[in-house]
Amino acid sequence: MDKKEYLIYKLSDEMKNCTKIDAALFKKLDVKRGLRNEDGTGVLVGLTNIGNVVGYDRKPDGSLLPIEGKLFFRGYEIQDLVHAFMEEDRLGFEEIAFLLLSGRLPDREELASFQDVIIDNMPLEQKTILNIIELEGNDIMNILARCVLEFYTFDEDPDNESRENLMRQSIELISKLPTTIAYAYNMLRRKELKRTLHIRDPKPGLSIAENFLFMLKGYDYSHLEALTLDTLMILHSEHGGGNNSTFTVRVTSSTGTDTYSSIAAGIGSLKGPKHGGANLKVCDMLTYLKSAVKDWTDEAEIERNLRDLLAKKAFDKSGLIYGIGHAVYTKSDPRCLLLKKMAVRLATEKERMEEYEFMERVERIAIDTVYAVKGRQKTLCANVDFYSGFVYDLIGIPREIYTPLFAMARIVGWCAHRNEELNFEGRRIIRPAYRCVTDERRYVAIQKR
């Protein structure tokens, strides 16, 4: 062990001791750990006009009353919005983006103009394309964050906080993230397969979802695949101000930093396996279960394997069943219910209903098994991550871009929340407090220690 390795070993061992905090102190000092109340609900830290996540009511005694989940975009319920698009058999992500950014739904002419502006802004600077080609690393979320930071250098007025400039930056980011992700994935595939890089430029007349699929794999996609991806993007586009990545964007925005730094911070937050990366955990868990369960219709066998997961005997031995439970939703996650409708249609088209039916059994049995093992302290439902990876796979999207696709959609909500944070009256830097519990010490000169 050389000097550097020894120093790192010694300091990391001391880190073990200096990071210990008595868990009892959180309750004693009334500290909201993780910004959560005692009942698990989020601490109220702000107000917003953008999104509302509803998963429970309050009983007269103040305890939680589980209800069917609802999600509102600018006052419109997500179920109503998505069902309208389904009935008309059309893609609606751009209409939702207009709504979240402006606060109202567009008319036909406004929507067409908005779609044209999106398409006009989708191409990347040549320098950005070259930079993507040269970037080292295999994580597309990391590449995406670096590219977003680079957009600052191409912006002629990057630090201007006027409403017009913020809206321009919002539209450009919504337009450019799909192109960046598609090019980054194609670049990584080129390196992996040692083949010529094929870059497909976005095409006029296509939606964001259609253009993304075209840039990813050419015209080899169906209308139902594009419709399903568009629905997924709508469901992921906004989820209130309290989710970790949106809160990160609002916290950084409150300091007055530039748009690109703030959005890059949001990308870093979303990358985490407890947030946007959760769908990959679900996919890996389901892959394990598909192998471990010999008869996919045997509910007793499914339950035995799920009990092994909870007992930390199987899969990653975390004791978790990924995709089950949510911080706000109790009886149901409305995004999950909507996604299941698209999953059935697509699984039927792809002749993979056996897998879908297995997942439905796992979902139902997992909830009952958690109740049986841990009790009913909280009402559980499957969250959107439980089915999103399966749906991405049905569309033919590689797992390397599952989480980047989340960012591609959530950029709309991030920009809307940043714009709100910078424009309401009486704005203040977000600055919560931490209580220090270390005893005071007196400094002793180094030569006397």
Protein backbone atom coordinates (compact mmCIF):
# COMPACT_ATOMS: atom_id res chain seq x y z
CA MET A 1 0.00 0.00 0.00
CA ASP A 2 1.56 3.30 -1.11
CA LYS A 3 1.26 6.64 0.75
CA LYS A 4 -1.86 7.75 -1.11
CA GLU A 5 -3.66 4.44 -0.63
CA TYR A 6 -2.79 4.39 3.07
CA LEU A 7 -4.05 7.96 3.56
CA ILE A 8 -7.33 7.18 1.81
CA TYR A 9 -7.75 4.01 3.87
CA LYS A 10 -7.06 5.84 7.13
CA LEU A 11 -9.36 8.79 6.38
CA SER A 12 -12.18 6.55 5.12
CA ASP A 13 -11.99 4.52 8.31
CA GLU A 14 -12.27 7.73 10.34
CA MET A 15 -15.20 8.78 8.16
CA LYS A 16 -17.07 5.80 9.59
CA ASN A 17 -16.94 7.37 13.04
CA CYS A 18 -17.41 11.04 12.21
CA THR A 19 -20.58 10.40 10.14
CA LYS A 20 -22.43 8.64 12.95
CA ILE A 21 -25.47 10.46 14.34
CA ASP A 22 -27.77 8.98 16.96
CA ALA A 23 -31.05 8.30 15.14
CA ALA A 24 -32.99 9.05 18.35
CA LEU A 25 -31.87 12.68 18.15
CA PHE A 26 -34.00 13.26 15.04
CA LYS A 27 -37.18 12.62 16.99
CA LYS A 28 -35.94 14.30 20.17
CA LEU A 29 -35.04 17.52 18.32
CA ASP A 30 -38.07 17.33 15.98
CA VAL A 31 -35.90 17.13 12.88
CA LYS A 32 -37.81 16.19 9.72
CA ARG A 33 -35.37 13.62 8.37
CA GLY A 34 -35.48 13.52 4.59
CA LEU A 35 -37.94 16.44 4.80
CA ARG A 36 -40.57 13.90 5.86
CA ASN A 37 -43.14 14.18 8.64
CA GLU A 38 -43.63 11.37 11.15
CA ASP A 39 -46.39 9.86 9.00
CA GLY A 40 -44.09 9.77 5.97
CA THR A 41 -45.67 12.70 4.15
CA GLY A 42 -43.51 15.48 2.80
CA VAL A 43 -42.81 18.64 4.76
CA LEU A 44 -44.59 21.57 3.13
CA VAL A 45 -41.85 23.93 1.93
CA GLY A 46 -43.40 25.85 -0.96
CA LEU A 47 -46.37 26.74 -3.12
CA THR A 48 -46.88 26.11 -6.83
CA ASN A 49 -49.43 26.56 -9.61
CA ILE A 50 -47.98 23.80 -11.78
CA GLY A 51 -48.59 20.25 -10.59
CA ASN A 52 -50.50 18.58 -7.78
CA VAL A 53 -49.89 15.03 -6.58
CA VAL A 54 -52.79 13.66 -4.51
CA GLY A 55 -52.62 10.31 -2.71
CA TYR A 56 -54.51 10.73 0.55
CA ASP A 57 -56.97 12.83 2.54
CA ARG A 58 -56.85 13.65 6.24
CA LYS A 59 -59.17 12.13 8.83
CA PRO A 60 -60.56 14.40 11.59
CA ASP A 61 -57.81 13.16 13.93
CA GLY A 62 -55.12 14.20 11.42
CA SER A 63 -54.17 10.69 10.31
CA LEU A 64 -54.00 9.72 6.66
CA LEU A 65 -57.02 8.47 4.72
CA PRO A 66 -55.86 6.51 1.63
CA ILE A 67 -57.65 7.42 -1.62
CA GLU A 68 -57.27 6.67 -5.32
CA GLY A 69 -54.34 8.68 -6.62
CA LYS A 70 -54.77 11.77 -8.76
CA LEU A 71 -52.27 13.91 -10.66
CA PHE A 72 -53.11 17.39 -11.90
CA PHE A 73 -51.29 19.52 -14.48
CA ARG A 74 -52.26 23.19 -14.07
CA GLY A 75 -55.59 22.00 -12.59
CA TYR A 76 -56.33 19.42 -15.30
CA GLU A 77 -56.47 15.80 -14.14
CA ILE A 78 -53.95 13.60 -15.97
CA GLN A 79 -56.57 10.89 -16.55
CA ASP A 80 -58.75 13.36 -18.50
CA LEU A 81 -55.84 14.65 -20.57
CA VAL A 82 -54.42 11.26 -21.54
CA HIS A 83 -57.82 9.68 -22.19
CA ALA A 84 -58.64 12.55 -24.55
CA PHE A 85 -55.45 11.88 -26.54
CA MET A 86 -56.18 8.13 -26.55
CA GLU A 87 -59.72 8.64 -27.85
CA GLU A 88 -58.45 10.91 -30.63
CA ASP A 89 -55.56 8.50 -31.31
CA ARG A 90 -53.07 11.35 -31.38
CA LEU A 91 -49.85 12.36 -29.68
CA GLY A 92 -50.15 15.08 -27.04
CA PHE A 93 -46.78 15.71 -25.38
CA GLU A 94 -46.24 19.07 -27.09
CA GLU A 95 -49.71 20.21 -25.99
CA ILE A 96 -48.86 19.25 -22.41
CA ALA A 97 -45.53 21.09 -22.67
CA PHE A 98 -47.39 24.23 -23.82
CA LEU A 99 -49.82 23.86 -20.91
CA LEU A 100 -47.11 23.43 -18.27
CA LEU A 101 -45.01 26.32 -19.58
CA SER A 102 -47.84 28.82 -20.18
CA GLY A 103 -50.52 27.80 -17.70
CA ARG A 104 -53.18 27.21 -20.36
CA LEU A 105 -54.03 24.89 -23.23
CA PRO A 106 -53.21 26.12 -26.75
CA ASP A 107 -55.66 26.53 -29.60
CA ARG A 108 -55.01 24.66 -32.85
CA GLU A 109 -52.95 27.47 -34.43
CA GLU A 110 -50.84 28.05 -31.32
CA LEU A 111 -50.11 24.34 -30.98
CA ALA A 112 -48.99 24.12 -34.61
CA SER A 113 -46.66 27.10 -34.14
CA PHE A 114 -45.28 25.63 -30.92
CA GLN A 115 -44.62 22.30 -32.66
CA ASP A 116 -42.83 24.13 -35.51
CA VAL A 117 -40.61 26.00 -33.06
CA ILE A 118 -39.76 22.73 -31.27
CA ILE A 119 -38.71 21.10 -34.56
CA ASP A 120 -36.70 24.16 -35.61
CA ASN A 121 -34.70 23.97 -32.37
CA MET A 122 -34.06 20.22 -32.30
CA PRO A 123 -30.80 20.20 -34.33
CA LEU A 124 -27.61 20.52 -32.26
CA GLU A 125 -24.64 22.80 -32.77
CA GLN A 126 -21.95 21.05 -34.79
CA LYS A 127 -19.54 21.54 -31.89
CA THR A 128 -21.96 19.73 -29.56
CA ILE A 129 -22.21 16.79 -31.96
CA LEU A 130 -18.43 16.58 -32.16
CA ASN A 131 -18.21 16.83 -28.38
CA ILE A 132 -20.68 13.94 -27.95
CA ILE A 133 -18.55 11.85 -30.30
CA GLU A 134 -15.40 12.59 -28.29
CA LEU A 135 -16.87 12.32 -24.77
CA GLU A 136 -15.51 9.50 -22.64
CA GLY A 137 -17.75 7.33 -20.47
CA ASN A 138 -20.71 5.00 -20.98
CA ASP A 139 -23.37 6.65 -18.82
CA ILE A 140 -25.76 8.67 -20.98
CA MET A 141 -27.15 10.60 -18.00
CA ASN A 142 -23.62 11.83 -17.29
CA ILE A 143 -23.12 12.69 -20.97
CA LEU A 144 -26.46 14.50 -21.01
CA ALA A 145 -25.53 16.62 -17.98
CA ARG A 146 -22.22 17.60 -19.58
CA CYS A 147 -23.93 18.51 -22.85
CA VAL A 148 -26.50 20.67 -21.05
CA LEU A 149 -23.69 22.55 -19.35
CA GLU A 150 -22.09 23.05 -22.76
CA PHE A 151 -25.30 24.63 -24.09
CA TYR A 152 -24.41 27.59 -21.86
CA THR A 153 -21.45 28.41 -24.09
CA PHE A 154 -23.66 28.58 -27.21
CA ASP A 155 -26.28 30.79 -25.55
CA GLU A 156 -25.74 34.46 -26.42
CA ASP A 157 -27.50 35.57 -23.22
CA PRO A 158 -27.24 32.64 -20.78
CA ASP A 159 -27.62 34.51 -17.48
CA ASN A 160 -30.56 36.74 -18.41
CA GLU A 161 -33.53 35.99 -16.10
CA SER A 162 -36.17 37.89 -18.08
CA ARG A 163 -39.38 35.98 -18.80
CA GLU A 164 -38.72 36.04 -22.53
CA ASN A 165 -35.23 34.64 -22.13
CA LEU A 166 -36.33 31.95 -19.67
CA MET A 167 -39.06 30.83 -22.06
CA ARG A 168 -36.62 30.73 -24.98
CA GLN A 169 -34.20 28.60 -22.96
CA SER A 170 -37.04 26.30 -21.86
CA ILE A 171 -38.19 25.66 -25.43
CA GLU A 172 -34.64 25.08 -26.64
CA LEU A 173 -33.92 22.56 -23.86
CA ILE A 174 -37.17 20.68 -24.49
CA SER A 175 -36.19 20.54 -28.17
CA LYS A 176 -32.54 19.55 -27.79
CA LEU A 177 -32.62 16.87 -25.08
CA PRO A 178 -34.16 14.20 -27.37
CA THR A 179 -31.53 14.85 -30.04
CA THR A 180 -28.71 14.79 -27.48
CA ILE A 181 -29.85 11.48 -25.99
CA ALA A 182 -30.34 9.81 -29.38
CA TYR A 183 -26.92 10.96 -30.64
CA ALA A 184 -25.22 9.93 -27.37
CA TYR A 185 -26.68 6.43 -27.58
CA ASN A 186 -25.73 6.05 -31.26
CA MET A 187 -22.22 7.21 -30.38
CA LEU A 188 -21.88 4.59 -27.64
CA ARG A 189 -23.18 1.85 -29.94
CA ARG A 190 -20.65 2.90 -32.59
CA LYS A 191 -17.82 2.53 -30.09
CA GLU A 192 -19.15 -0.77 -28.78
CA LEU A 193 -19.66 -2.34 -32.22
CA LYS A 194 -16.74 -0.51 -33.85
CA ARG A 195 -18.90 0.61 -36.74
CA THR A 196 -19.53 3.83 -38.66
CA LEU A 197 -21.61 6.41 -36.78
CA HIS A 198 -25.04 6.97 -38.35
CA ILE A 199 -26.65 10.25 -37.27
CA ARG A 200 -30.23 10.87 -38.36
CA ASP A 201 -31.29 14.48 -38.21
CA PRO A 202 -34.75 15.28 -36.79
CA LYS A 203 -37.42 15.62 -39.46
CA PRO A 204 -40.08 18.32 -39.89
CA GLY A 205 -43.64 17.13 -39.46
CA LEU A 206 -42.82 14.57 -36.75
CA SER A 207 -43.57 14.94 -33.05
CA ILE A 208 -40.86 14.76 -30.39
CA ALA A 209 -41.73 11.10 -29.70
CA GLU A 210 -41.71 10.22 -33.39
CA ASN A 211 -38.48 12.11 -34.02
CA PHE A 212 -36.79 10.43 -31.10
CA LEU A 213 -37.71 6.97 -32.40
CA PHE A 214 -36.61 7.99 -35.89
CA MET A 215 -33.23 9.28 -34.66
CA LEU A 216 -32.82 6.09 -32.64
CA LYS A 217 -33.80 3.45 -35.20
CA GLY A 218 -35.01 5.06 -38.42
CA TYR A 219 -38.56 4.46 -39.62
CA ASP A 220 -38.69 1.08 -37.89
CA TYR A 221 -41.44 2.00 -35.43
CA SER A 222 -45.23 1.72 -35.42
CA HIS A 223 -47.84 4.35 -34.68
CA LEU A 224 -48.73 2.51 -31.47
CA GLU A 225 -45.07 2.59 -30.36
CA ALA A 226 -44.90 6.34 -30.95
CA LEU A 227 -48.24 6.83 -29.19
CA THR A 228 -47.06 4.80 -26.20
CA LEU A 229 -43.76 6.68 -25.92
CA ASP A 230 -45.66 9.96 -26.15
CA THR A 231 -47.94 8.81 -23.30
CA LEU A 232 -44.95 7.82 -21.19
CA MET A 233 -43.42 11.24 -21.75
CA ILE A 234 -46.65 12.94 -20.67
CA LEU A 235 -46.79 10.83 -17.51
CA HIS A 236 -43.17 11.67 -16.67
CA SER A 237 -43.30 15.35 -17.64
CA GLU A 238 -44.33 16.75 -14.26
CA HIS A 239 -44.89 15.48 -10.72
CA GLY A 240 -45.16 18.45 -8.40
CA GLY A 241 -42.45 20.52 -6.81
CA GLY A 242 -41.51 18.04 -4.09
CA ASN A 243 -39.94 15.24 -6.11
CA ASN A 244 -36.18 15.23 -5.63
CA SER A 245 -35.04 16.39 -9.05
CA THR A 246 -37.62 19.18 -9.38
CA PHE A 247 -36.84 20.35 -5.86
CA THR A 248 -33.16 20.32 -6.82
CA VAL A 249 -33.94 22.56 -9.80
CA ARG A 250 -35.92 24.93 -7.59
CA VAL A 251 -33.22 25.02 -4.90
CA THR A 252 -30.46 25.81 -7.39
CA SER A 253 -32.66 28.28 -9.27
CA SER A 254 -33.32 30.17 -6.03
CA THR A 255 -29.61 31.03 -5.85
CA GLY A 256 -29.82 32.88 -9.18
CA THR A 257 -27.61 30.43 -11.04
CA ASP A 258 -28.05 29.98 -14.80
CA THR A 259 -30.63 27.70 -16.38
CA TYR A 260 -28.09 25.16 -17.64
CA SER A 261 -26.39 24.70 -14.26
CA SER A 262 -29.77 24.24 -12.61
CA ILE A 263 -31.01 21.68 -15.16
CA ALA A 264 -27.70 19.77 -15.00
CA ALA A 265 -28.20 19.53 -11.22
CA GLY A 266 -31.70 18.13 -11.83
CA ILE A 267 -30.25 15.52 -14.19
CA GLY A 268 -27.76 14.49 -11.52
CA SER A 269 -30.60 14.05 -9.03
CA LEU A 270 -32.77 12.06 -11.43
CA LYS A 271 -29.91 9.68 -12.20
CA GLY A 272 -30.11 8.12 -8.73
CA PRO A 273 -31.54 4.59 -8.35
CA LYS A 274 -34.02 5.87 -5.74
CA HIS A 275 -35.44 8.35 -8.24
CA GLY A 276 -35.30 8.18 -12.04
CA GLY A 277 -33.08 5.11 -12.06
CA ALA A 278 -35.67 3.05 -10.18
CA ASN A 279 -37.11 1.57 -13.38
CA LEU A 280 -33.83 -0.26 -13.99
CA LYS A 281 -34.05 -1.85 -10.54
CA VAL A 282 -37.57 -3.02 -11.35
CA CYS A 283 -36.41 -4.48 -14.67
CA ASP A 284 -33.57 -6.38 -13.03
CA MET A 285 -35.86 -7.69 -10.29
CA LEU A 286 -38.48 -8.86 -12.80
CA THR A 287 -35.80 -10.52 -14.92
CA TYR A 288 -34.72 -12.41 -11.81
CA LEU A 289 -38.30 -13.42 -10.98
CA LYS A 290 -39.00 -14.60 -14.53
CA SER A 291 -36.07 -16.95 -14.15
CA ALA A 292 -36.70 -18.00 -10.54
CA VAL A 293 -40.42 -18.70 -10.94
CA LYS A 294 -40.73 -21.86 -13.05
CA ASP A 295 -44.50 -21.65 -13.52
CA TRP A 296 -45.58 -18.05 -14.13
CA THR A 297 -49.19 -18.94 -13.34
CA ASP A 298 -48.40 -20.54 -9.96
CA GLU A 299 -49.31 -17.83 -7.46
CA ALA A 300 -47.94 -19.81 -4.49
CA GLU A 301 -44.54 -20.06 -6.19
CA ILE A 302 -44.59 -16.33 -6.96
CA GLU A 303 -45.38 -15.56 -3.32
CA ARG A 304 -42.54 -17.80 -2.06
CA ASN A 305 -40.06 -15.91 -4.23
CA LEU A 306 -41.41 -12.54 -3.14
CA ARG A 307 -41.08 -13.59 0.50
CA ASP A 308 -37.44 -14.46 -0.23
CA LEU A 309 -36.96 -10.92 -1.59
CA LEU A 310 -38.44 -9.39 1.56
CA ALA A 311 -36.32 -11.69 3.76
CA LYS A 312 -33.15 -10.48 1.97
CA LYS A 313 -32.46 -13.98 0.69
CA ALA A 314 -32.76 -13.31 -3.04
CA PHE A 315 -31.97 -10.93 -5.89
CA ASP A 316 -29.96 -7.98 -4.46
CA LYS A 317 -30.78 -8.92 -0.83
CA SER A 318 -32.04 -5.40 -0.09
CA GLY A 319 -35.33 -6.61 1.37
CA LEU A 320 -37.23 -4.48 -1.17
CA ILE A 321 -39.77 -5.26 -3.86
CA TYR A 322 -39.02 -2.57 -6.39
CA GLY A 323 -41.86 -0.72 -8.04
CA ILE A 324 -44.24 -1.27 -5.11
CA GLY A 325 -45.12 1.71 -2.91
CA HIS A 326 -44.87 5.46 -3.34
CA ALA A 327 -44.11 8.49 -1.17
CA VAL A 328 -47.51 10.08 -1.87
CA TYR A 329 -49.82 7.65 -3.68
CA THR A 330 -51.62 5.06 -1.56
CA LYS A 331 -54.47 3.14 -3.24
CA SER A 332 -53.24 3.78 -6.79
CA ASP A 333 -50.72 5.67 -8.91
CA PRO A 334 -52.71 7.23 -11.79
CA ARG A 335 -49.64 7.13 -14.03
CA CYS A 336 -49.35 3.38 -13.51
CA LEU A 337 -53.02 2.81 -14.36
CA LEU A 338 -52.72 4.77 -17.59
CA LEU A 339 -49.47 3.08 -18.54
CA LYS A 340 -51.01 -0.37 -18.03
CA LYS A 341 -53.66 0.45 -20.64
CA MET A 342 -50.95 1.21 -23.18
CA ALA A 343 -48.93 -1.83 -22.08
CA VAL A 344 -51.85 -4.17 -22.80
CA ARG A 345 -52.26 -2.80 -26.32
CA LEU A 346 -48.56 -2.98 -27.08
CA ALA A 347 -48.03 -6.40 -25.47
CA THR A 348 -50.90 -7.72 -27.59
CA GLU A 349 -49.31 -6.29 -30.73
CA LYS A 350 -45.93 -7.78 -29.80
CA GLU A 351 -47.42 -11.13 -28.68
CA ARG A 352 -46.00 -10.75 -25.15
CA MET A 353 -49.19 -10.91 -23.10
CA GLU A 354 -47.85 -13.85 -21.10
CA GLU A 355 -45.17 -11.54 -19.65
CA TYR A 356 -47.70 -8.80 -18.98
CA GLU A 357 -50.03 -11.19 -17.15
CA PHE A 358 -47.08 -12.45 -15.07
CA MET A 359 -46.27 -8.87 -14.08
CA GLU A 360 -49.87 -8.24 -13.08
CA ARG A 361 -49.75 -11.30 -10.83
CA VAL A 362 -46.47 -10.15 -9.29
CA GLU A 363 -47.94 -6.68 -8.69
CA ARG A 364 -51.04 -8.03 -6.92
CA ILE A 365 -49.28 -10.76 -4.93
CA ALA A 366 -46.40 -8.44 -3.95
CA ILE A 367 -48.75 -6.01 -2.22
CA ASP A 368 -50.53 -8.80 -0.34
CA THR A 369 -47.19 -10.35 0.62
CA VAL A 370 -45.81 -7.09 2.03
CA TYR A 371 -48.99 -6.71 4.10
CA ALA A 372 -48.65 -10.29 5.36
CA VAL A 373 -44.97 -9.90 6.30
CA LYS A 374 -44.80 -6.29 7.48
CA GLY A 375 -48.38 -5.38 8.33
CA ARG A 376 -50.53 -2.60 6.85
CA GLN A 377 -48.79 0.45 8.29
CA LYS A 378 -49.17 2.05 4.86
CA THR A 379 -51.50 1.41 1.92
CA LEU A 380 -49.43 0.24 -1.04
CA CYS A 381 -49.82 0.36 -4.79
CA ALA A 382 -47.60 -0.25 -7.80
CA ASN A 383 -45.89 2.92 -9.00
CA VAL A 384 -45.18 3.99 -12.57
CA ASP A 385 -41.71 2.41 -12.50
CA PHE A 386 -43.20 -1.08 -12.18
CA TYR A 387 -44.35 -1.12 -15.81
CA SER A 388 -42.30 1.60 -17.50
CA GLY A 389 -39.23 -0.56 -18.19
CA PHE A 390 -41.40 -3.30 -19.68
CA VAL A 391 -43.11 -0.76 -21.93
CA TYR A 392 -39.77 0.71 -23.04
CA ASP A 393 -38.65 -2.82 -23.92
CA LEU A 394 -41.86 -3.41 -25.92
CA ILE A 395 -41.13 -0.25 -27.91
CA GLY A 396 -37.60 -1.52 -28.58
CA ILE A 397 -35.79 1.10 -26.53
CA PRO A 398 -32.47 -0.05 -25.00
CA ARG A 399 -32.14 0.03 -21.22
CA GLU A 400 -29.20 2.47 -21.38
CA ILE A 401 -31.66 5.25 -22.16
CA TYR A 402 -34.57 4.38 -19.83
CA THR A 403 -33.50 7.02 -17.29
CA PRO A 404 -32.40 9.59 -19.93
CA LEU A 405 -35.92 9.27 -21.41
CA PHE A 406 -37.28 10.24 -17.99
CA ALA A 407 -35.12 13.39 -18.16
CA MET A 408 -36.25 14.04 -21.74
CA ALA A 409 -39.83 14.24 -20.45
CA ARG A 410 -39.25 15.84 -17.03
CA ILE A 411 -37.33 18.74 -18.60
CA VAL A 412 -40.76 20.32 -19.18
CA GLY A 413 -41.65 20.25 -15.49
CA TRP A 414 -38.16 21.35 -14.48
CA CYS A 415 -38.32 24.41 -16.72
CA ALA A 416 -41.84 25.29 -15.58
CA HIS A 417 -40.79 25.12 -11.93
CA ARG A 418 -37.59 27.08 -12.54
CA ASN A 419 -39.58 29.81 -14.29
CA GLU A 420 -42.06 29.92 -11.41
CA GLU A 421 -39.27 30.01 -8.81
CA LEU A 422 -37.67 33.02 -10.51
CA ASN A 423 -40.87 34.97 -11.12
CA PHE A 424 -43.02 34.91 -8.00
CA GLU A 425 -42.97 37.99 -5.78
CA GLY A 426 -40.92 37.87 -2.61
CA ARG A 427 -38.59 35.09 -3.86
CA ARG A 428 -35.90 34.03 -1.43
CA ILE A 429 -32.97 31.66 -1.62
CA ILE A 430 -34.02 28.24 -0.33
CA ARG A 431 -31.96 27.72 2.78
CA PRO A 432 -33.17 25.10 5.31
CA ALA A 433 -31.28 24.45 8.55
CA TYR A 434 -29.26 21.56 9.96
CA ARG A 435 -28.77 21.26 13.71
CA CYS A 436 -25.17 20.49 14.64
CA VAL A 437 -24.92 17.92 17.45
CA THR A 438 -21.12 17.82 17.86
CA ASP A 439 -19.73 18.98 21.22
CA GLU A 440 -17.62 22.12 21.18
CA ARG A 441 -13.83 21.65 21.20
CA ARG A 442 -10.82 23.85 21.85
CA TYR A 443 -8.11 24.06 19.21
CA VAL A 444 -4.65 22.73 20.15
CA ALA A 445 -1.66 23.66 17.98
CA ILE A 446 -0.49 20.82 15.77
CA GLN A 447 2.95 20.54 17.37
CA LYS A 448 1.34 19.94 20.79
CA ARG A 449 -1.02 17.15 19.70
